[in-house]
Amino acid sequence: MHYRTAAISCFVLISGMFGLPAIIWAVFLPSLRQGLPDPIPAYERMLLETALFCGHWKWLLALPMIALGMLFTIAELAAPRARG
């Protein structure tokens, strides 16, 4: 059961790394095209910096996480089942 949880966590992290920036840019891009407010509210700055972080690091983290997720999935499928 622990392998399944680890595999699901890996795939959730991967989808979050790719999905979060897309969602943030879809929400804030129309307002950013009108010009940046002075000063940018703190919550908008944190969300935009999170999107930039995910955008920069998603490819570097995606490859090992996909491999790790696949290994955990294979380990779960190969584990002996308890009969009861």
C-alpha atoms as a PDB file:
ATOM      1  CA  MET A   1       0.000   0.000   0.000  1.00  0.00           C
ATOM      2  CA  HIS A   2       2.896   2.379   0.657  1.00  0.00           C
ATOM      3  CA  TYR A   3       4.171   1.952  -2.898  1.00  0.00           C
ATOM      4  CA  ARG A   4       0.811   2.987  -4.286  1.00  0.00           C
ATOM      5  CA  THR A   5       0.772   6.122  -2.123  1.00  0.00           C
ATOM      6  CA  ALA A   6       4.295   7.045  -3.231  1.00  0.00           C
ATOM      7  CA  ALA A   7       3.433   6.526  -6.904  1.00  0.00           C
ATOM      8  CA  ILE A   8       0.300   8.650  -6.611  1.00  0.00           C
ATOM      9  CA  SER A   9       2.287  11.373  -4.822  1.00  0.00           C
ATOM     10  CA  CYS A  10       4.870  11.429  -7.628  1.00  0.00           C
ATOM     11  CA  PHE A  11       2.245  11.785 -10.326  1.00  0.00           C
ATOM     12  CA  VAL A  12       0.346  14.461  -8.357  1.00  0.00           C
ATOM     13  CA  LEU A  13       3.569  16.463  -7.949  1.00  0.00           C
ATOM     14  CA  ILE A  14       4.278  16.199 -11.681  1.00  0.00           C
ATOM     15  CA  SER A  15       0.784  17.307 -12.657  1.00  0.00           C
ATOM     16  CA  GLY A  16       0.967  20.140 -10.129  1.00  0.00           C
ATOM     17  CA  MET A  17       4.290  21.355 -11.506  1.00  0.00           C
ATOM     18  CA  PHE A  18       2.816  21.516 -15.009  1.00  0.00           C
ATOM     19  CA  GLY A  19      -0.738  22.554 -14.172  1.00  0.00           C
ATOM     20  CA  LEU A  20      -0.191  25.242 -11.554  1.00  0.00           C
ATOM     21  CA  PRO A  21       1.715  27.687 -13.799  1.00  0.00           C
ATOM     22  CA  ALA A  22      -0.873  27.267 -16.552  1.00  0.00           C
ATOM     23  CA  ILE A  23      -3.706  28.052 -14.155  1.00  0.00           C
ATOM     24  CA  ILE A  24      -1.901  31.041 -12.643  1.00  0.00           C
ATOM     25  CA  TRP A  25      -1.009  32.497 -16.049  1.00  0.00           C
ATOM     26  CA  ALA A  26      -4.597  31.993 -17.273  1.00  0.00           C
ATOM     27  CA  VAL A  27      -5.950  33.905 -14.280  1.00  0.00           C
ATOM     28  CA  PHE A  28      -3.401  36.725 -14.105  1.00  0.00           C
ATOM     29  CA  LEU A  29      -2.329  37.181 -17.730  1.00  0.00           C
ATOM     30  CA  PRO A  30      -5.294  39.366 -18.750  1.00  0.00           C
ATOM     31  CA  SER A  31      -4.645  41.752 -15.855  1.00  0.00           C
ATOM     32  CA  LEU A  32      -0.884  41.753 -16.543  1.00  0.00           C
ATOM     33  CA  ARG A  33      -1.498  42.804 -20.161  1.00  0.00           C
ATOM     34  CA  GLN A  34      -3.203  45.944 -18.895  1.00  0.00           C
ATOM     35  CA  GLY A  35      -0.050  46.855 -16.996  1.00  0.00           C
ATOM     36  CA  LEU A  36       1.414  46.056 -13.647  1.00  0.00           C
ATOM     37  CA  PRO A  37      -0.217  47.767 -10.685  1.00  0.00           C
ATOM     38  CA  ASP A  38       2.152  49.694  -8.475  1.00  0.00           C
ATOM     39  CA  PRO A  39       2.742  48.009  -6.041  1.00  0.00           C
ATOM     40  CA  ILE A  40       1.767  44.430  -6.886  1.00  0.00           C
ATOM     41  CA  PRO A  41      -0.288  42.904  -4.060  1.00  0.00           C
ATOM     42  CA  ALA A  42       1.641  40.363  -1.976  1.00  0.00           C
ATOM     43  CA  TYR A  43      -0.610  37.406  -2.846  1.00  0.00           C
ATOM     44  CA  GLU A  44      -0.254  38.107  -6.588  1.00  0.00           C
ATOM     45  CA  ARG A  45       3.524  38.381  -6.261  1.00  0.00           C
ATOM     46  CA  MET A  46       3.691  35.031  -4.407  1.00  0.00           C
ATOM     47  CA  LEU A  47       1.497  33.305  -6.991  1.00  0.00           C
ATOM     48  CA  LEU A  48       3.505  34.711  -9.899  1.00  0.00           C
ATOM     49  CA  GLU A  49       6.800  33.723  -8.277  1.00  0.00           C
ATOM     50  CA  THR A  50       5.421  30.224  -7.681  1.00  0.00           C
ATOM     51  CA  ALA A  51       4.472  29.994 -11.348  1.00  0.00           C
ATOM     52  CA  LEU A  52       7.951  31.133 -12.380  1.00  0.00           C
ATOM     53  CA  PHE A  53       9.587  28.599 -10.046  1.00  0.00           C
ATOM     54  CA  CYS A  54       7.461  25.752 -11.393  1.00  0.00           C
ATOM     55  CA  GLY A  55       8.090  26.922 -14.949  1.00  0.00           C
ATOM     56  CA  HIS A  56      11.859  26.864 -14.486  1.00  0.00           C
ATOM     57  CA  TRP A  57      12.184  23.619 -12.551  1.00  0.00           C
ATOM     58  CA  LYS A  58       9.389  21.440 -13.927  1.00  0.00           C
ATOM     59  CA  TRP A  59      11.493  19.753 -16.612  1.00  0.00           C
ATOM     60  CA  LEU A  60      14.375  19.109 -14.254  1.00  0.00           C
ATOM     61  CA  LEU A  61      12.075  17.551 -11.657  1.00  0.00           C
ATOM     62  CA  ALA A  62       9.730  15.799 -14.067  1.00  0.00           C
ATOM     63  CA  LEU A  63      12.170  13.212 -15.404  1.00  0.00           C
ATOM     64  CA  PRO A  64      13.268  11.768 -12.035  1.00  0.00           C
ATOM     65  CA  MET A  65       9.728  11.964 -10.656  1.00  0.00           C
ATOM     66  CA  ILE A  66       8.301  10.077 -13.635  1.00  0.00           C
ATOM     67  CA  ALA A  67      10.967   7.405 -13.238  1.00  0.00           C
ATOM     68  CA  LEU A  68      10.336   7.205  -9.500  1.00  0.00           C
ATOM     69  CA  GLY A  69       6.587   6.999 -10.013  1.00  0.00           C
ATOM     70  CA  MET A  70       6.993   4.227 -12.556  1.00  0.00           C
ATOM     71  CA  LEU A  71       9.309   2.291 -10.213  1.00  0.00           C
ATOM     72  CA  PHE A  72       6.824   2.569  -7.346  1.00  0.00           C
ATOM     73  CA  THR A  73       4.007   1.480  -9.653  1.00  0.00           C
ATOM     74  CA  ILE A  74       5.986  -1.551 -10.812  1.00  0.00           C
ATOM     75  CA  ALA A  75       6.902  -2.394  -7.202  1.00  0.00           C
ATOM     76  CA  GLU A  76       3.232  -2.243  -6.211  1.00  0.00           C
ATOM     77  CA  LEU A  77       2.208  -4.508  -9.084  1.00  0.00           C
ATOM     78  CA  ALA A  78       5.002  -6.984  -8.334  1.00  0.00           C
ATOM     79  CA  ALA A  79       4.366  -7.123  -4.564  1.00  0.00           C
ATOM     80  CA  PRO A  80       2.832 -10.348  -3.313  1.00  0.00           C
ATOM     81  CA  ARG A  81      -0.846 -10.086  -2.491  1.00  0.00           C
ATOM     82  CA  ALA A  82      -2.209 -11.158   0.851  1.00  0.00           C
ATOM     83  CA  ARG A  83      -5.021 -13.658   0.532  1.00  0.00           C
ATOM     84  CA  GLY A  84      -7.598 -13.590   3.130  1.00  0.00           C
END
